[in-house]
Amino acid sequence: MNPSPGPDPDGRLACGRDAAAVWERAVAGEPADAHERDCPHCTAAAADARGLGALVQRMAQDRPEPPPSVLDRVMVAVRTELRPHDVLTLPSPHGPARLSRAAAASVLRHTVDGMAGVRARSCRIEQVTDTFSGEPGHAADVRITVTARFGVDLASVTARVRQMVAASGEQALGVPVRRVDIEVVDVFGGEW
């Protein structure tokens, strides 16, 4: 059975030597003392240090060439991140402002999660297109799925969700909410 060169939690090898000191001497190329030459634990630790040092040296000298398709893939990812369908356009005195749909949906889900008897599952926001100009308008339609506590009056809960989402859209986000569609997808018991 080979001796375990690994240090204990205090940083000592099984022989009692400081593992970091053995490692540093080996990496620096200093000669081992009498104990380190004869000790299987110190010898293994020094060999690991020299092996790792050689590997790091080889990797530092190696300059791999990325495949030609890497630039294309990176640019596709960048363009995907900047697509206008991922943002809501808001009016601003300094020109149009953009708000991430994911951030806006998170705010609306948080609003629903703060209500008693209901929890948000998903939220989708679509900015309404102006019927006259064909340009994106500033109002939005919201589709939200929720789970309700067993026994609550669903008509009352969904009416409250609709009111809270519309108010939160207007006040917290600056997005007038034209319509809120709510789908109850599950029920839960207890005080979740």
Protein backbone atom coordinates (compact mmCIF):
# COMPACT_ATOMS: atom_id res chain seq x y z
CA MET A 1 0.00 0.00 0.00
CA ASN A 2 1.35 3.43 -0.97
CA PRO A 3 1.67 6.07 1.73
CA SER A 4 -0.81 8.91 1.58
CA PRO A 5 1.09 12.11 0.72
CA GLY A 6 -1.92 14.31 1.45
CA PRO A 7 -1.72 16.76 4.34
CA ASP A 8 -4.01 16.60 7.34
CA PRO A 9 -6.33 19.55 8.05
CA ASP A 10 -3.47 21.36 9.84
CA GLY A 11 -1.33 21.26 6.69
CA ARG A 12 1.03 18.56 7.92
CA LEU A 13 2.01 15.42 6.06
CA ALA A 14 1.64 12.04 7.77
CA CYS A 15 5.31 12.29 8.78
CA GLY A 16 4.67 15.59 10.59
CA ARG A 17 6.39 17.90 8.08
CA ASP A 18 4.67 21.08 6.90
CA ALA A 19 3.27 20.18 3.46
CA ALA A 20 3.49 23.77 2.19
CA ALA A 21 7.19 24.01 3.09
CA VAL A 22 8.00 20.74 1.28
CA TRP A 23 5.94 21.87 -1.71
CA GLU A 24 7.63 25.32 -1.89
CA ARG A 25 11.15 23.87 -1.69
CA ALA A 26 10.36 21.39 -4.47
CA VAL A 27 8.87 24.08 -6.73
CA ALA A 28 11.84 26.37 -6.09
CA GLY A 29 14.19 23.55 -7.07
CA GLU A 30 15.93 23.45 -3.69
CA PRO A 31 17.53 20.13 -2.77
CA ALA A 32 15.66 17.90 -0.32
CA ASP A 33 17.14 17.46 3.16
CA ALA A 34 17.98 14.01 4.55
CA HIS A 35 14.47 13.45 5.93
CA GLU A 36 12.73 14.50 2.70
CA ARG A 37 14.97 12.21 0.60
CA ASP A 38 14.10 9.15 2.74
CA CYS A 39 10.47 9.94 3.66
CA PRO A 40 7.86 8.49 1.30
CA HIS A 41 5.36 11.22 2.26
CA CYS A 42 7.75 14.09 1.56
CA THR A 43 9.03 12.42 -1.62
CA ALA A 44 5.46 12.03 -2.93
CA ALA A 45 4.53 15.62 -2.05
CA ALA A 46 7.67 16.97 -3.74
CA ALA A 47 7.01 14.84 -6.84
CA ASP A 48 3.44 16.18 -7.01
CA ALA A 49 4.72 19.74 -6.72
CA ARG A 50 7.32 19.29 -9.45
CA GLY A 51 4.80 17.51 -11.72
CA LEU A 52 2.24 20.24 -11.30
CA GLY A 53 4.88 22.92 -11.81
CA ALA A 54 5.99 21.28 -15.07
CA LEU A 55 2.39 21.00 -16.25
CA VAL A 56 1.70 24.65 -15.49
CA GLN A 57 4.88 25.64 -17.30
CA ARG A 58 3.90 23.65 -20.41
CA MET A 59 0.40 25.11 -20.39
CA ALA A 60 1.77 28.65 -20.03
CA GLN A 61 3.99 28.15 -23.09
CA ASP A 62 1.21 26.59 -25.15
CA ARG A 63 -0.78 29.17 -27.11
CA PRO A 64 -3.84 27.30 -28.41
CA GLU A 65 -5.59 28.70 -31.46
CA PRO A 66 -9.37 28.88 -31.11
CA PRO A 67 -11.38 27.28 -33.90
CA PRO A 68 -12.55 29.78 -36.54
CA SER A 69 -16.18 29.30 -35.52
CA VAL A 70 -15.63 30.75 -32.03
CA LEU A 71 -15.93 34.38 -33.15
CA ASP A 72 -19.13 33.60 -35.05
CA ARG A 73 -20.64 31.84 -32.03
CA VAL A 74 -19.71 34.70 -29.70
CA MET A 75 -21.24 37.28 -32.03
CA VAL A 76 -24.47 35.26 -32.32
CA ALA A 77 -24.67 35.13 -28.51
CA VAL A 78 -24.07 38.89 -28.25
CA ARG A 79 -26.70 39.67 -30.86
CA THR A 80 -29.16 37.34 -29.15
CA GLU A 81 -28.67 39.19 -25.87
CA LEU A 82 -29.37 42.53 -27.53
CA ARG A 83 -32.54 41.56 -29.38
CA PRO A 84 -35.33 44.09 -28.85
CA HIS A 85 -37.90 41.39 -28.00
CA ASP A 86 -36.15 40.86 -24.68
CA VAL A 87 -36.80 44.42 -23.51
CA LEU A 88 -39.75 46.70 -22.92
CA THR A 89 -39.48 50.20 -24.38
CA LEU A 90 -40.58 52.92 -21.97
CA PRO A 91 -41.15 56.62 -22.57
CA SER A 92 -38.63 58.93 -20.98
CA PRO A 93 -37.93 62.66 -21.18
CA HIS A 94 -34.43 61.73 -22.41
CA GLY A 95 -35.59 59.36 -25.14
CA PRO A 96 -36.83 55.78 -25.01
CA ALA A 97 -35.62 53.71 -22.07
CA ARG A 98 -35.37 49.92 -22.12
CA LEU A 99 -36.30 47.52 -19.35
CA SER A 100 -35.50 43.82 -19.40
CA ARG A 101 -38.64 41.68 -19.69
CA ALA A 102 -37.15 39.21 -17.22
CA ALA A 103 -36.62 41.97 -14.63
CA ALA A 104 -40.12 43.35 -15.16
CA ALA A 105 -41.64 39.86 -14.86
CA SER A 106 -39.68 39.30 -11.66
CA VAL A 107 -41.16 42.47 -10.13
CA LEU A 108 -44.69 41.39 -11.02
CA ARG A 109 -44.15 37.84 -9.67
CA HIS A 110 -42.81 39.35 -6.44
CA THR A 111 -45.95 41.46 -6.15
CA VAL A 112 -48.14 38.36 -6.45
CA ASP A 113 -45.96 36.38 -4.01
CA GLY A 114 -46.61 39.06 -1.39
CA MET A 115 -50.34 38.42 -1.51
CA ALA A 116 -52.13 36.00 0.83
CA GLY A 117 -53.39 32.73 -0.61
CA VAL A 118 -51.61 32.85 -3.98
CA ARG A 119 -48.08 32.40 -5.40
CA ALA A 120 -46.79 33.29 -8.86
CA ARG A 121 -45.40 30.58 -11.09
CA SER A 122 -44.55 32.31 -14.35
CA CYS A 123 -45.07 35.73 -15.88
CA ARG A 124 -44.92 36.78 -19.51
CA ILE A 125 -45.09 40.41 -20.63
CA GLU A 126 -45.84 41.43 -24.22
CA GLN A 127 -45.62 45.04 -25.25
CA VAL A 128 -48.68 46.12 -27.24
CA THR A 129 -48.16 47.36 -30.79
CA ASP A 130 -49.77 50.69 -31.64
CA THR A 131 -52.50 49.89 -34.17
CA PHE A 132 -52.06 53.18 -36.03
CA SER A 133 -48.27 53.38 -36.44
CA GLY A 134 -47.35 49.70 -36.15
CA GLU A 135 -44.63 50.74 -33.68
CA PRO A 136 -44.35 49.22 -30.22
CA GLY A 137 -46.59 51.09 -27.84
CA HIS A 138 -45.87 51.60 -24.18
CA ALA A 139 -48.74 49.55 -22.77
CA ALA A 140 -48.29 45.85 -22.06
CA ASP A 141 -50.34 42.68 -21.80
CA VAL A 142 -49.40 40.36 -18.94
CA ARG A 143 -50.00 36.62 -18.77
CA ILE A 144 -49.33 35.18 -15.33
CA THR A 145 -49.73 31.67 -13.98
CA VAL A 146 -50.38 31.21 -10.27
CA THR A 147 -50.95 28.54 -7.68
CA ALA A 148 -53.64 29.18 -5.08
CA ARG A 149 -54.11 27.93 -1.55
CA PHE A 150 -56.79 25.26 -1.29
CA GLY A 151 -60.13 26.73 -0.23
CA VAL A 152 -59.62 30.35 -1.31
CA ASP A 153 -62.26 32.05 -3.43
CA LEU A 154 -60.58 31.92 -6.85
CA ALA A 155 -62.73 34.70 -8.33
CA SER A 156 -61.74 37.04 -5.50
CA VAL A 157 -58.06 36.04 -5.56
CA THR A 158 -57.71 36.43 -9.32
CA ALA A 159 -59.46 39.83 -9.21
CA ARG A 160 -56.94 40.97 -6.55
CA VAL A 161 -54.03 39.58 -8.60
CA ARG A 162 -55.29 41.49 -11.65
CA GLN A 163 -55.53 44.75 -9.67
CA MET A 164 -52.13 44.32 -8.00
CA VAL A 165 -50.32 43.41 -11.24
CA ALA A 166 -51.83 46.38 -13.07
CA ALA A 167 -50.95 48.76 -10.22
CA SER A 168 -47.42 47.37 -9.88
CA GLY A 169 -46.84 47.63 -13.62
CA GLU A 170 -47.86 51.28 -13.61
CA GLN A 171 -46.26 52.38 -10.34
CA ALA A 172 -43.12 50.24 -9.99
CA LEU A 173 -42.21 49.76 -13.64
CA GLY A 174 -43.81 52.70 -15.45
CA VAL A 175 -45.51 50.29 -17.85
CA PRO A 176 -49.25 50.79 -18.30
CA VAL A 177 -50.84 47.33 -18.13
CA ARG A 178 -53.67 47.02 -20.63
CA ARG A 179 -54.66 43.44 -19.87
CA VAL A 180 -53.84 40.75 -17.28
CA ASP A 181 -54.59 37.10 -18.09
CA ILE A 182 -54.39 34.79 -15.08
CA GLU A 183 -54.24 31.01 -15.16
CA VAL A 184 -54.49 29.05 -11.93
CA VAL A 185 -52.29 26.00 -12.56
CA ASP A 186 -52.19 24.33 -9.14
CA VAL A 187 -53.39 24.46 -5.55
CA PHE A 188 -51.41 24.13 -2.37
CA GLY A 189 -52.35 23.35 1.21
CA GLY A 190 -51.23 25.00 4.41
CA GLU A 191 -49.56 28.39 4.86
CA TRP A 192 -47.03 28.46 2.02
